[in-house]
Amino acid sequence: MKLKVDINCDLGESYGNFKIGFDEQVMPHITSANIACGFHAGDPVVMANTVKLAKKHSVAIGAHPGFPDLMGFGRREMKLTREEATNYIIYQVGVLQAFAKAVGVELQHVKPHGALYTMAMKDYMLAKAIVEAVSTVDLRLIVFAIAKSRLAEVASKAGLRVACEVFADRAYNSDGSLVSRTVSGAVIEDARIVTERAVGMVEERRVTAIDGKTVELGAVHTICVHGDNLEAVALVKALRKGLEKAGVEVVSVGKFL
């Protein structure tokens, strides 16, 4: 059976007069867009325009909720109660859901952003809060998570579909976590390397960690390229071309999961 994979990208992260990313250039080459919901990035105008852009290019839409941390771009850890975390997610997903409804499309998925995402991979309480929020809003929504993580485990047990995600443009530690952005080499900007890694991830379900060890990834449903990567446009173009050349069908995850 032909291998299938989704390419997702974090978009809609501009805010007011501050422009981040290359949304217009990236959007035609991906199959799923994770759109910021105003807490770590994005604003009402940016959200509306990004949803419209995704619809124009037939790209599936997902909410990308984060910690309320504009100054830190949602990449700083925060300590929340379970109630706070649940309500923060409901609020953000609901906002993007409204913008999607306004142009006649539905949300496909929810992918937590930044520190919220990485913490939920190991923190049971936070994973539970995210899953409760998604389940409350819409049980049809797919949750993006790293395979074998707490978030993937809790979401699956709750009956939600889980899209197991890998990162083509980020270096891995030997335990399967992502290398901190403060470490040299954490972000990969070479299109050839990104493409080779991605094809290997899909075909072999493994990747080489920064220390040279092999990391077993488990299932691979969606590949992330970060929208704020300076080489994002070149990366998504090369990635899609490379995957299709390898015989992998690139399609939004909601169509095969």
Protein backbone atom coordinates (compact mmCIF):
# COMPACT_ATOMS: atom_id res chain seq x y z
CA MET A 1 0.00 0.00 0.00
CA LYS A 2 1.29 3.45 -0.90
CA LEU A 3 2.70 5.46 2.00
CA LYS A 4 0.86 8.66 2.84
CA VAL A 5 1.97 11.63 4.91
CA ASP A 6 0.81 15.14 5.73
CA ILE A 7 3.04 18.23 5.70
CA ASN A 8 2.09 20.78 8.34
CA CYS A 9 3.42 24.23 9.10
CA ASP A 10 2.88 26.77 11.91
CA LEU A 11 1.42 29.87 10.28
CA GLY A 12 -0.54 33.02 11.11
CA GLU A 13 2.08 34.07 13.64
CA SER A 14 2.33 37.72 12.68
CA TYR A 15 0.91 40.24 15.13
CA GLY A 16 -0.20 43.80 14.38
CA ASN A 17 2.67 45.53 12.58
CA PHE A 18 5.07 42.67 13.28
CA LYS A 19 5.40 40.19 10.44
CA ILE A 20 6.65 36.66 11.12
CA GLY A 21 7.05 33.87 8.62
CA PHE A 22 6.33 33.47 4.92
CA ASP A 23 2.70 32.39 4.92
CA GLU A 24 1.82 33.32 1.35
CA GLN A 25 4.82 31.49 -0.09
CA VAL A 26 4.58 28.43 2.17
CA MET A 27 0.85 27.75 2.01
CA PRO A 28 0.69 26.34 -1.58
CA HIS A 29 3.16 23.57 -0.70
CA ILE A 30 1.69 22.17 2.54
CA THR A 31 -1.41 20.13 3.32
CA SER A 32 -2.21 21.27 6.89
CA ALA A 33 -1.80 24.68 8.51
CA ASN A 34 -1.50 25.21 12.28
CA ILE A 35 -2.85 28.71 12.80
CA ALA A 36 -1.92 30.76 15.88
CA CYS A 37 -4.91 31.74 18.01
CA GLY A 38 -3.81 35.01 19.61
CA PHE A 39 -2.11 33.89 22.82
CA HIS A 40 1.48 33.37 21.67
CA ALA A 41 1.02 35.06 18.29
CA GLY A 42 -1.62 36.08 15.79
CA ASP A 43 -4.43 38.60 16.04
CA PRO A 44 -8.00 38.72 14.67
CA VAL A 45 -6.98 40.17 11.30
CA VAL A 46 -4.07 37.74 10.89
CA MET A 47 -6.25 34.78 11.88
CA ALA A 48 -8.98 35.74 9.41
CA ASN A 49 -6.53 36.28 6.55
CA THR A 50 -4.63 33.05 7.24
CA VAL A 51 -7.83 31.00 7.27
CA LYS A 52 -8.84 32.55 3.94
CA LEU A 53 -5.39 31.84 2.50
CA ALA A 54 -5.61 28.20 3.59
CA LYS A 55 -9.05 27.84 2.03
CA LYS A 56 -7.76 29.36 -1.22
CA HIS A 57 -5.07 26.67 -1.47
CA SER A 58 -7.29 23.80 -0.17
CA VAL A 59 -5.09 23.38 2.90
CA ALA A 60 -6.65 21.79 6.00
CA ILE A 61 -6.88 24.08 9.01
CA GLY A 62 -5.88 23.42 12.59
CA ALA A 63 -5.82 25.49 15.76
CA HIS A 64 -2.37 26.18 17.20
CA PRO A 65 -3.06 27.22 20.82
CA GLY A 66 -0.22 28.28 23.10
CA PHE A 67 0.55 29.79 26.47
CA PRO A 68 -0.55 33.43 26.97
CA ASP A 69 2.97 34.70 26.32
CA LEU A 70 3.35 37.12 23.42
CA MET A 71 6.69 38.41 24.73
CA GLY A 72 8.17 34.91 24.79
CA PHE A 73 6.37 33.66 21.67
CA GLY A 74 4.88 30.86 23.76
CA ARG A 75 8.25 29.17 24.13
CA ARG A 76 8.63 29.78 27.87
CA GLU A 77 7.25 27.22 30.32
CA MET A 78 4.32 28.26 32.49
CA LYS A 79 2.71 26.60 35.47
CA LEU A 80 -1.09 26.42 35.06
CA THR A 81 -3.86 24.71 36.92
CA ARG A 82 -5.71 22.03 34.98
CA GLU A 83 -8.78 24.29 34.86
CA GLU A 84 -6.76 27.19 33.47
CA ALA A 85 -5.10 25.03 30.83
CA THR A 86 -8.41 23.50 29.72
CA ASN A 87 -10.13 26.86 29.41
CA TYR A 88 -7.20 28.48 27.62
CA ILE A 89 -7.36 25.75 24.98
CA ILE A 90 -11.16 25.93 24.63
CA TYR A 91 -10.91 29.70 24.20
CA GLN A 92 -8.28 29.56 21.49
CA VAL A 93 -9.75 26.66 19.53
CA GLY A 94 -13.16 28.33 19.69
CA VAL A 95 -11.80 31.58 18.29
CA LEU A 96 -10.22 29.90 15.28
CA GLN A 97 -13.28 27.71 14.82
CA ALA A 98 -15.36 30.86 14.45
CA PHE A 99 -13.06 32.31 11.79
CA ALA A 100 -13.17 29.00 9.91
CA LYS A 101 -16.97 28.92 10.08
CA ALA A 102 -17.09 32.46 8.73
CA VAL A 103 -15.59 31.28 5.42
CA GLY A 104 -17.36 27.92 5.29
CA VAL A 105 -14.61 25.53 6.37
CA GLU A 106 -14.12 23.28 9.41
CA LEU A 107 -11.16 22.68 11.65
CA GLN A 108 -9.27 19.45 11.03
CA HIS A 109 -6.98 19.37 14.06
CA VAL A 110 -5.46 20.92 17.15
CA LYS A 111 -1.71 21.17 17.62
CA PRO A 112 -0.44 22.81 20.83
CA HIS A 113 2.35 25.33 20.33
CA GLY A 114 5.82 25.71 21.77
CA ALA A 115 6.28 25.07 25.47
CA LEU A 116 2.67 23.95 25.82
CA TYR A 117 3.35 21.21 23.28
CA THR A 118 6.67 20.03 24.70
CA MET A 119 5.41 20.04 28.29
CA ALA A 120 2.29 18.06 27.35
CA MET A 121 4.47 15.30 25.91
CA LYS A 122 5.51 14.35 29.47
CA ASP A 123 3.06 16.13 31.82
CA TYR A 124 -0.04 13.99 32.36
CA MET A 125 -2.10 16.81 33.90
CA LEU A 126 -1.40 19.15 31.02
CA ALA A 127 -2.05 16.43 28.44
CA LYS A 128 -5.34 15.65 30.19
CA ALA A 129 -6.33 19.33 30.14
CA ILE A 130 -5.66 19.63 26.42
CA VAL A 131 -7.62 16.47 25.64
CA GLU A 132 -10.55 17.58 27.80
CA ALA A 133 -10.63 20.90 25.96
CA VAL A 134 -10.53 19.32 22.51
CA SER A 135 -13.16 16.74 23.47
CA THR A 136 -15.42 19.49 24.78
CA VAL A 137 -15.17 21.54 21.58
CA ASP A 138 -15.41 18.76 18.98
CA LEU A 139 -14.67 15.03 19.25
CA ARG A 140 -13.96 14.91 15.52
CA LEU A 141 -10.83 17.03 15.86
CA ILE A 142 -7.47 15.30 15.40
CA VAL A 143 -4.77 15.90 18.02
CA PHE A 144 -1.20 16.33 16.78
CA ALA A 145 1.35 14.77 19.14
CA ILE A 146 4.65 12.92 19.24
CA ALA A 147 4.16 9.15 19.12
CA LYS A 148 4.38 7.38 22.52
CA SER A 149 4.01 10.72 24.36
CA ARG A 150 1.65 11.44 27.23
CA LEU A 151 -0.50 13.59 24.97
CA ALA A 152 -0.80 10.87 22.35
CA GLU A 153 -1.63 8.29 25.02
CA VAL A 154 -4.29 10.39 26.76
CA ALA A 155 -5.90 11.51 23.49
CA SER A 156 -6.11 7.93 22.18
CA LYS A 157 -7.69 6.69 25.42
CA ALA A 158 -10.27 9.47 25.16
CA GLY A 159 -11.28 8.23 21.71
CA LEU A 160 -9.69 11.07 19.73
CA ARG A 161 -7.71 10.48 16.58
CA VAL A 162 -4.01 11.19 17.02
CA ALA A 163 -1.71 12.29 14.21
CA CYS A 164 1.81 11.26 15.18
CA GLU A 165 4.12 14.12 14.27
CA VAL A 166 7.79 14.32 13.38
CA PHE A 167 9.97 17.35 12.77
CA ALA A 168 12.04 17.52 9.62
CA ASP A 169 13.75 20.82 10.43
CA ARG A 170 14.59 20.15 14.10
CA ALA A 171 17.35 18.05 15.65
CA TYR A 172 16.39 15.20 18.01
CA ASN A 173 17.86 14.10 21.32
CA SER A 174 18.44 10.36 21.77
CA ASP A 175 15.32 10.13 24.01
CA GLY A 176 13.12 11.32 21.15
CA SER A 177 12.69 14.88 22.42
CA LEU A 178 13.64 17.93 20.36
CA VAL A 179 16.98 19.62 20.95
CA SER A 180 16.56 22.99 22.68
CA ARG A 181 16.67 25.95 20.33
CA THR A 182 19.44 27.39 22.53
CA VAL A 183 21.76 24.62 21.28
CA SER A 184 23.72 25.06 18.06
CA GLY A 185 22.31 22.84 15.31
CA ALA A 186 18.84 22.56 16.85
CA VAL A 187 17.21 24.12 13.78
CA ILE A 188 18.06 22.61 10.38
CA GLU A 189 17.95 24.95 7.38
CA ASP A 190 19.53 22.79 4.66
CA ALA A 191 16.76 21.65 2.27
CA ARG A 192 18.67 18.55 1.18
CA ILE A 193 19.19 17.35 4.75
CA VAL A 194 15.60 18.11 5.71
CA THR A 195 14.27 16.15 2.72
CA GLU A 196 16.54 13.14 3.31
CA ARG A 197 15.56 13.04 7.00
CA ALA A 198 11.86 13.29 6.19
CA VAL A 199 11.92 10.47 3.62
CA GLY A 200 13.79 8.29 6.09
CA MET A 201 11.32 9.12 8.85
CA VAL A 202 8.36 8.05 6.70
CA GLU A 203 9.94 4.95 5.16
CA GLU A 204 11.94 3.65 8.13
CA ARG A 205 10.19 5.36 11.08
CA ARG A 206 13.51 6.37 12.60
CA VAL A 207 15.88 9.34 12.69
CA THR A 208 19.48 9.95 13.74
CA ALA A 209 19.76 11.97 16.95
CA ILE A 210 22.22 14.84 17.44
CA ASP A 211 24.57 12.46 19.28
CA GLY A 212 24.52 9.93 16.42
CA LYS A 213 22.20 7.42 18.05
CA THR A 214 19.12 6.05 16.28
CA VAL A 215 15.70 7.15 17.51
CA GLU A 216 12.73 4.88 16.79
CA LEU A 217 9.80 7.17 15.98
CA GLY A 218 6.81 4.83 15.87
CA ALA A 219 3.97 5.89 13.59
CA VAL A 220 4.53 8.90 11.30
CA HIS A 221 1.43 10.69 10.03
CA THR A 222 2.50 14.32 9.67
CA ILE A 223 5.77 16.18 9.16
CA CYS A 224 6.28 19.66 10.57
CA VAL A 225 8.28 22.49 9.06
CA HIS A 226 8.31 25.63 11.18
CA GLY A 227 6.96 28.75 9.52
CA ASP A 228 9.49 31.01 11.23
CA ASN A 229 12.43 28.99 9.88
CA LEU A 230 14.34 31.41 7.63
CA GLU A 231 14.46 28.74 4.91
CA ALA A 232 10.82 27.63 5.32
CA VAL A 233 9.80 28.27 1.71
CA ALA A 234 12.73 26.36 0.22
CA LEU A 235 12.27 23.58 2.77
CA VAL A 236 8.59 22.89 2.08
CA LYS A 237 9.13 22.98 -1.67
CA ALA A 238 12.02 20.54 -1.51
CA LEU A 239 10.30 18.37 1.09
CA ARG A 240 7.15 17.87 -0.92
CA LYS A 241 9.07 17.22 -4.12
CA GLY A 242 11.37 14.76 -2.38
CA LEU A 243 8.57 12.81 -0.73
CA GLU A 244 6.59 12.53 -3.96
CA LYS A 245 9.72 11.45 -5.84
CA ALA A 246 10.15 8.70 -3.23
CA GLY A 247 6.61 7.49 -3.96
CA VAL A 248 5.00 8.95 -0.84
CA GLU A 249 1.58 10.53 -1.32
CA VAL A 250 1.38 13.95 0.35
CA VAL A 251 -2.16 14.61 1.58
CA SER A 252 -3.87 16.23 4.57
CA VAL A 253 -3.95 13.88 7.54
CA GLY A 254 -7.73 14.02 7.89
CA LYS A 255 -8.05 12.17 4.59
CA PHE A 256 -6.25 9.02 5.71
CA LEU A 257 -6.24 8.87 9.50
